Amino acid sequence: MPKVKTNKSAAKRFKKTGTGKLVRMKAYKSHILTKKTTKRKRNLRKSTVVDETNVKNMKKIMPYL
């Protein structure tokens, strides 16, 4: 049986919480920030839980997480 490799790009983007859920940072915070409101930019700083529909695929590409 060969080793299972972790997808490194995914490993850098996702972390596991204490309860086993996957956490990610929000998108749309890198550029064109002048037209976005302060409230919107502040909320984009926070992390969020990955949707349940994607968790199965994420666990497959990060087997040792």
PDB file of N, CA and C in Angstrom:
ATOM      1  N   MET A   1       0.848  -1.191   0.000  1.00  0.00           N
ATOM      2  CA  MET A   1       0.000   0.000   0.000  1.00  0.00           C
ATOM      3  C   MET A   1       0.885   1.243   0.000  1.00  0.00           C
ATOM      4  N   PRO A   2       0.758   2.128  -0.997  1.00  0.00           N
ATOM      5  CA  PRO A   2       1.592   3.333  -1.025  1.00  0.00           C
ATOM      6  C   PRO A   2       1.129   4.359   0.004  1.00  0.00           C
ATOM      7  N   LYS A   3       2.027   5.283   0.286  1.00  0.00           N
ATOM      8  CA  LYS A   3       1.697   6.369   1.204  1.00  0.00           C
ATOM      9  C   LYS A   3       0.648   7.274   0.564  1.00  0.00           C
ATOM     10  N   VAL A   4      -0.169   7.887   1.389  1.00  0.00           N
ATOM     11  CA  VAL A   4      -1.160   8.853   0.924  1.00  0.00           C
ATOM     12  C   VAL A   4      -0.588  10.237   1.162  1.00  0.00           C
ATOM     13  N   LYS A   5      -0.509  11.034   0.108  1.00  0.00           N
ATOM     14  CA  LYS A   5       0.070  12.373   0.231  1.00  0.00           C
ATOM     15  C   LYS A   5      -0.988  13.407   0.577  1.00  0.00           C
ATOM     16  N   THR A   6      -0.604  14.340   1.417  1.00  0.00           N
ATOM     17  CA  THR A   6      -1.452  15.480   1.757  1.00  0.00           C
ATOM     18  C   THR A   6      -1.296  16.538   0.676  1.00  0.00           C
ATOM     19  N   ASN A   7      -2.407  17.117   0.256  1.00  0.00           N
ATOM     20  CA  ASN A   7      -2.375  18.238  -0.678  1.00  0.00           C
ATOM     21  C   ASN A   7      -1.880  19.459   0.099  1.00  0.00           C
ATOM     22  N   LYS A   8      -0.674  19.923  -0.220  1.00  0.00           N
ATOM     23  CA  LYS A   8      -0.023  20.978   0.557  1.00  0.00           C
ATOM     24  C   LYS A   8      -0.727  22.322   0.454  1.00  0.00           C
ATOM     25  N   SER A   9      -1.292  22.624  -0.714  1.00  0.00           N
ATOM     26  CA  SER A   9      -1.984  23.909  -0.847  1.00  0.00           C
ATOM     27  C   SER A   9      -3.226  23.940   0.039  1.00  0.00           C
ATOM     28  N   ALA A  10      -3.903  22.810   0.159  1.00  0.00           N
ATOM     29  CA  ALA A  10      -5.082  22.741   1.029  1.00  0.00           C
ATOM     30  C   ALA A  10      -4.670  22.774   2.498  1.00  0.00           C
ATOM     31  N   ALA A  11      -3.555  22.128   2.824  1.00  0.00           N
ATOM     32  CA  ALA A  11      -3.095  22.085   4.210  1.00  0.00           C
ATOM     33  C   ALA A  11      -2.763  23.474   4.738  1.00  0.00           C
ATOM     34  N   LYS A  12      -2.322  24.364   3.850  1.00  0.00           N
ATOM     35  CA  LYS A  12      -1.996  25.729   4.259  1.00  0.00           C
ATOM     36  C   LYS A  12      -3.247  26.582   4.444  1.00  0.00           C
ATOM     37  N   ARG A  13      -4.336  26.198   3.808  1.00  0.00           N
ATOM     38  CA  ARG A  13      -5.551  27.010   3.823  1.00  0.00           C
ATOM     39  C   ARG A  13      -6.574  26.586   4.866  1.00  0.00           C
ATOM     40  N   PHE A  14      -6.519  25.346   5.306  1.00  0.00           N
ATOM     41  CA  PHE A  14      -7.533  24.819   6.220  1.00  0.00           C
ATOM     42  C   PHE A  14      -6.905  24.329   7.505  1.00  0.00           C
ATOM     43  N   LYS A  15      -7.604  24.567   8.615  1.00  0.00           N
ATOM     44  CA  LYS A  15      -7.170  24.095   9.925  1.00  0.00           C
ATOM     45  C   LYS A  15      -8.323  23.313  10.548  1.00  0.00           C
ATOM     46  N   LYS A  16      -7.984  22.474  11.503  1.00  0.00           N
ATOM     47  CA  LYS A  16      -8.980  21.663  12.184  1.00  0.00           C
ATOM     48  C   LYS A  16      -9.266  22.260  13.565  1.00  0.00           C
ATOM     49  N   THR A  17     -10.534  22.326  13.943  1.00  0.00           N
ATOM     50  CA  THR A  17     -10.898  22.849  15.253  1.00  0.00           C
ATOM     51  C   THR A  17     -10.818  21.728  16.282  1.00  0.00           C
ATOM     52  N   GLY A  18     -11.038  22.060  17.537  1.00  0.00           N
ATOM     53  CA  GLY A  18     -11.003  21.066  18.592  1.00  0.00           C
ATOM     54  C   GLY A  18     -12.095  20.025  18.466  1.00  0.00           C
ATOM     55  N   THR A  19     -13.218  20.416  17.866  1.00  0.00           N
ATOM     56  CA  THR A  19     -14.331  19.482  17.698  1.00  0.00           C
ATOM     57  C   THR A  19     -14.239  18.687  16.404  1.00  0.00           C
ATOM     58  N   GLY A  20     -13.199  18.968  15.591  1.00  0.00           N
ATOM     59  CA  GLY A  20     -13.005  18.203  14.358  1.00  0.00           C
ATOM     60  C   GLY A  20     -13.536  18.861  13.099  1.00  0.00           C
ATOM     61  N   LYS A  21     -14.062  20.077  13.218  1.00  0.00           N
ATOM     62  CA  LYS A  21     -14.566  20.777  12.036  1.00  0.00           C
ATOM     63  C   LYS A  21     -13.414  21.454  11.311  1.00  0.00           C
ATOM     64  N   LEU A  22     -13.605  21.749  10.029  1.00  0.00           N
ATOM     65  CA  LEU A  22     -12.592  22.442   9.241  1.00  0.00           C
ATOM     66  C   LEU A  22     -12.905  23.931   9.200  1.00  0.00           C
ATOM     67  N   VAL A  23     -11.863  24.740   9.337  1.00  0.00           N
ATOM     68  CA  VAL A  23     -12.017  26.194   9.355  1.00  0.00           C
ATOM     69  C   VAL A  23     -11.209  26.789   8.215  1.00  0.00           C
ATOM     70  N   ARG A  24     -11.754  27.821   7.584  1.00  0.00           N
ATOM     71  CA  ARG A  24     -11.078  28.506   6.489  1.00  0.00           C
ATOM     72  C   ARG A  24     -11.222  30.005   6.664  1.00  0.00           C
ATOM     73  N   MET A  25     -10.369  30.758   5.974  1.00  0.00           N
ATOM     74  CA  MET A  25     -10.506  32.206   5.968  1.00  0.00           C
ATOM     75  C   MET A  25     -11.425  32.605   4.812  1.00  0.00           C
ATOM     76  N   LYS A  26     -12.045  33.763   4.929  1.00  0.00           N
ATOM     77  CA  LYS A  26     -12.969  34.225   3.898  1.00  0.00           C
ATOM     78  C   LYS A  26     -12.229  34.846   2.720  1.00  0.00           C
ATOM     79  N   ALA A  27     -12.869  34.835   1.567  1.00  0.00           N
ATOM     80  CA  ALA A  27     -12.294  35.381   0.341  1.00  0.00           C
ATOM     81  C   ALA A  27     -12.657  36.858   0.195  1.00  0.00           C
ATOM     82  N   TYR A  28     -12.216  37.472  -0.897  1.00  0.00           N
ATOM     83  CA  TYR A  28     -12.537  38.861  -1.277  1.00  0.00           C
ATOM     84  C   TYR A  28     -11.908  39.899  -0.365  1.00  0.00           C
ATOM     85  N   LYS A  29     -10.746  39.625   0.196  1.00  0.00           N
ATOM     86  CA  LYS A  29     -10.085  40.576   1.093  1.00  0.00           C
ATOM     87  C   LYS A  29      -8.709  40.979   0.569  1.00  0.00           C
ATOM     88  N   SER A  30      -8.368  40.645  -0.681  1.00  0.00           N
ATOM     89  CA  SER A  30      -7.000  40.880  -1.147  1.00  0.00           C
ATOM     90  C   SER A  30      -6.813  42.201  -1.896  1.00  0.00           C
ATOM     91  N   HIS A  31      -7.779  42.620  -2.684  1.00  0.00           N
ATOM     92  CA  HIS A  31      -7.616  43.870  -3.438  1.00  0.00           C
ATOM     93  C   HIS A  31      -8.979  44.468  -3.750  1.00  0.00           C
ATOM     94  N   ILE A  32      -8.978  45.666  -4.346  1.00  0.00           N
ATOM     95  CA  ILE A  32     -10.189  46.460  -4.615  1.00  0.00           C
ATOM     96  C   ILE A  32     -10.958  46.657  -3.303  1.00  0.00           C
ATOM     97  N   LEU A  33     -10.248  47.196  -2.310  1.00  0.00           N
ATOM     98  CA  LEU A  33     -10.848  47.359  -0.992  1.00  0.00           C
ATOM     99  C   LEU A  33     -11.499  48.724  -0.789  1.00  0.00           C
ATOM    100  N   THR A  34     -11.270  49.663  -1.704  1.00  0.00           N
ATOM    101  CA  THR A  34     -11.791  51.013  -1.502  1.00  0.00           C
ATOM    102  C   THR A  34     -13.309  51.064  -1.598  1.00  0.00           C
ATOM    103  N   LYS A  35     -13.891  50.240  -2.451  1.00  0.00           N
ATOM    104  CA  LYS A  35     -15.351  50.271  -2.606  1.00  0.00           C
ATOM    105  C   LYS A  35     -16.082  49.421  -1.570  1.00  0.00           C
ATOM    106  N   LYS A  36     -15.351  48.633  -0.817  1.00  0.00           N
ATOM    107  CA  LYS A  36     -15.970  47.790   0.210  1.00  0.00           C
ATOM    108  C   LYS A  36     -16.067  48.565   1.513  1.00  0.00           C
ATOM    109  N   THR A  37     -17.166  48.390   2.218  1.00  0.00           N
ATOM    110  CA  THR A  37     -17.373  49.126   3.455  1.00  0.00           C
ATOM    111  C   THR A  37     -16.464  48.586   4.558  1.00  0.00           C
ATOM    112  N   THR A  38     -16.249  49.404   5.568  1.00  0.00           N
ATOM    113  CA  THR A  38     -15.409  49.011   6.699  1.00  0.00           C
ATOM    114  C   THR A  38     -15.992  47.796   7.404  1.00  0.00           C
ATOM    115  N   LYS A  39     -17.301  47.771   7.545  1.00  0.00           N
ATOM    116  CA  LYS A  39     -17.970  46.645   8.199  1.00  0.00           C
ATOM    117  C   LYS A  39     -17.749  45.360   7.420  1.00  0.00           C
ATOM    118  N   ARG A  40     -17.867  45.456   6.111  1.00  0.00           N
ATOM    119  CA  ARG A  40     -17.680  44.272   5.256  1.00  0.00           C
ATOM    120  C   ARG A  40     -16.250  43.747   5.345  1.00  0.00           C
ATOM    121  N   LYS A  41     -15.280  44.662   5.311  1.00  0.00           N
ATOM    122  CA  LYS A  41     -13.869  44.262   5.409  1.00  0.00           C
ATOM    123  C   LYS A  41     -13.558  43.658   6.775  1.00  0.00           C
ATOM    124  N   ARG A  42     -14.151  44.208   7.806  1.00  0.00           N
ATOM    125  CA  ARG A  42     -13.940  43.688   9.163  1.00  0.00           C
ATOM    126  C   ARG A  42     -14.481  42.263   9.287  1.00  0.00           C
ATOM    127  N   ASN A  43     -15.647  42.008   8.694  1.00  0.00           N
ATOM    128  CA  ASN A  43     -16.230  40.668   8.742  1.00  0.00           C
ATOM    129  C   ASN A  43     -15.457  39.665   7.894  1.00  0.00           C
ATOM    130  N   LEU A  44     -14.762  40.140   6.869  1.00  0.00           N
ATOM    131  CA  LEU A  44     -13.961  39.247   6.029  1.00  0.00           C
ATOM    132  C   LEU A  44     -12.694  38.779   6.733  1.00  0.00           C
ATOM    133  N   ARG A  45     -12.299  39.460   7.805  1.00  0.00           N
ATOM    134  CA  ARG A  45     -11.115  39.053   8.568  1.00  0.00           C
ATOM    135  C   ARG A  45     -11.346  37.758   9.330  1.00  0.00           C
ATOM    136  N   LYS A  46     -12.573  37.502   9.703  1.00  0.00           N
ATOM    137  CA  LYS A  46     -12.883  36.367  10.565  1.00  0.00           C
ATOM    138  C   LYS A  46     -12.842  35.059   9.776  1.00  0.00           C
ATOM    139  N   SER A  47     -12.551  33.984  10.486  1.00  0.00           N
ATOM    140  CA  SER A  47     -12.578  32.670   9.856  1.00  0.00           C
ATOM    141  C   SER A  47     -13.993  32.108   9.921  1.00  0.00           C
ATOM    142  N   THR A  48     -14.253  31.098   9.101  1.00  0.00           N
ATOM    143  CA  THR A  48     -15.574  30.490   9.071  1.00  0.00           C
ATOM    144  C   THR A  48     -15.432  28.990   8.891  1.00  0.00           C
ATOM    145  N   VAL A  49     -16.463  28.257   9.260  1.00  0.00           N
ATOM    146  CA  VAL A  49     -16.440  26.793   9.166  1.00  0.00           C
ATOM    147  C   VAL A  49     -16.736  26.382   7.726  1.00  0.00           C
ATOM    148  N   VAL A  50     -16.032  25.369   7.245  1.00  0.00           N
ATOM    149  CA  VAL A  50     -16.242  24.857   5.892  1.00  0.00           C
ATOM    150  C   VAL A  50     -17.606  24.177   5.829  1.00  0.00           C
ATOM    151  N   ASP A  51     -18.317  24.377   4.720  1.00  0.00           N
ATOM    152  CA  ASP A  51     -19.640  23.806   4.540  1.00  0.00           C
ATOM    153  C   ASP A  51     -19.581  22.274   4.532  1.00  0.00           C
ATOM    154  N   GLU A  52     -20.606  21.642   5.054  1.00  0.00           N
ATOM    155  CA  GLU A  52     -20.645  20.180   5.162  1.00  0.00           C
ATOM    156  C   GLU A  52     -20.547  19.482   3.802  1.00  0.00           C
ATOM    157  N   THR A  53     -20.997  20.132   2.736  1.00  0.00           N
ATOM    158  CA  THR A  53     -20.950  19.515   1.409  1.00  0.00           C
ATOM    159  C   THR A  53     -19.523  19.336   0.909  1.00  0.00           C
ATOM    160  N   ASN A  54     -18.583  20.133   1.433  1.00  0.00           N
ATOM    161  CA  ASN A  54     -17.191  20.063   0.991  1.00  0.00           C
ATOM    162  C   ASN A  54     -16.289  19.269   1.925  1.00  0.00           C
ATOM    163  N   VAL A  55     -16.762  18.942   3.106  1.00  0.00           N
ATOM    164  CA  VAL A  55     -15.904  18.312   4.118  1.00  0.00           C
ATOM    165  C   VAL A  55     -15.390  16.951   3.657  1.00  0.00           C
ATOM    166  N   LYS A  56     -16.225  16.169   2.996  1.00  0.00           N
ATOM    167  CA  LYS A  56     -15.817  14.829   2.549  1.00  0.00           C
ATOM    168  C   LYS A  56     -14.615  14.915   1.613  1.00  0.00           C
ATOM    169  N   ASN A  57     -14.652  15.834   0.663  1.00  0.00           N
ATOM    170  CA  ASN A  57     -13.538  16.013  -0.270  1.00  0.00           C
ATOM    171  C   ASN A  57     -12.300  16.548   0.432  1.00  0.00           C
ATOM    172  N   MET A  58     -12.482  17.431   1.393  1.00  0.00           N
ATOM    173  CA  MET A  58     -11.348  18.003   2.106  1.00  0.00           C
ATOM    174  C   MET A  58     -10.624  16.933   2.928  1.00  0.00           C
ATOM    175  N   LYS A  59     -11.380  16.044   3.561  1.00  0.00           N
ATOM    176  CA  LYS A  59     -10.769  14.972   4.347  1.00  0.00           C
ATOM    177  C   LYS A  59     -10.005  14.001   3.453  1.00  0.00           C
ATOM    178  N   LYS A  60     -10.453  13.878   2.192  1.00  0.00           N
ATOM    179  CA  LYS A  60      -9.790  12.983   1.247  1.00  0.00           C
ATOM    180  C   LYS A  60      -8.430  13.530   0.823  1.00  0.00           C
ATOM    181  N   ILE A  61      -8.324  14.844   0.603  1.00  0.00           N
ATOM    182  CA  ILE A  61      -7.054  15.415   0.160  1.00  0.00           C
ATOM    183  C   ILE A  61      -6.117  15.757   1.320  1.00  0.00           C
ATOM    184  N   MET A  62      -6.688  15.729   2.565  1.00  0.00           N
ATOM    185  CA  MET A  62      -5.852  15.930   3.752  1.00  0.00           C
ATOM    186  C   MET A  62      -6.105  14.787   4.734  1.00  0.00           C
ATOM    187  N   PRO A  63      -5.598  13.598   4.452  1.00  0.00           N
ATOM    188  CA  PRO A  63      -5.936  12.430   5.250  1.00  0.00           C
ATOM    189  C   PRO A  63      -5.388  12.448   6.676  1.00  0.00           C
ATOM    190  N   TYR A  64      -4.310  13.204   6.924  1.00  0.00           N
ATOM    191  CA  TYR A  64      -3.680  13.188   8.243  1.00  0.00           C
ATOM    192  C   TYR A  64      -4.036  14.407   9.085  1.00  0.00           C
ATOM    193  N   LEU A  65      -5.004  15.193   8.644  1.00  0.00           N
ATOM    194  CA  LEU A  65      -5.381  16.399   9.377  1.00  0.00           C
ATOM    195  C   LEU A  65      -6.171  16.031  10.623  1.00  0.00           C
TER     196      LEU A  65
END
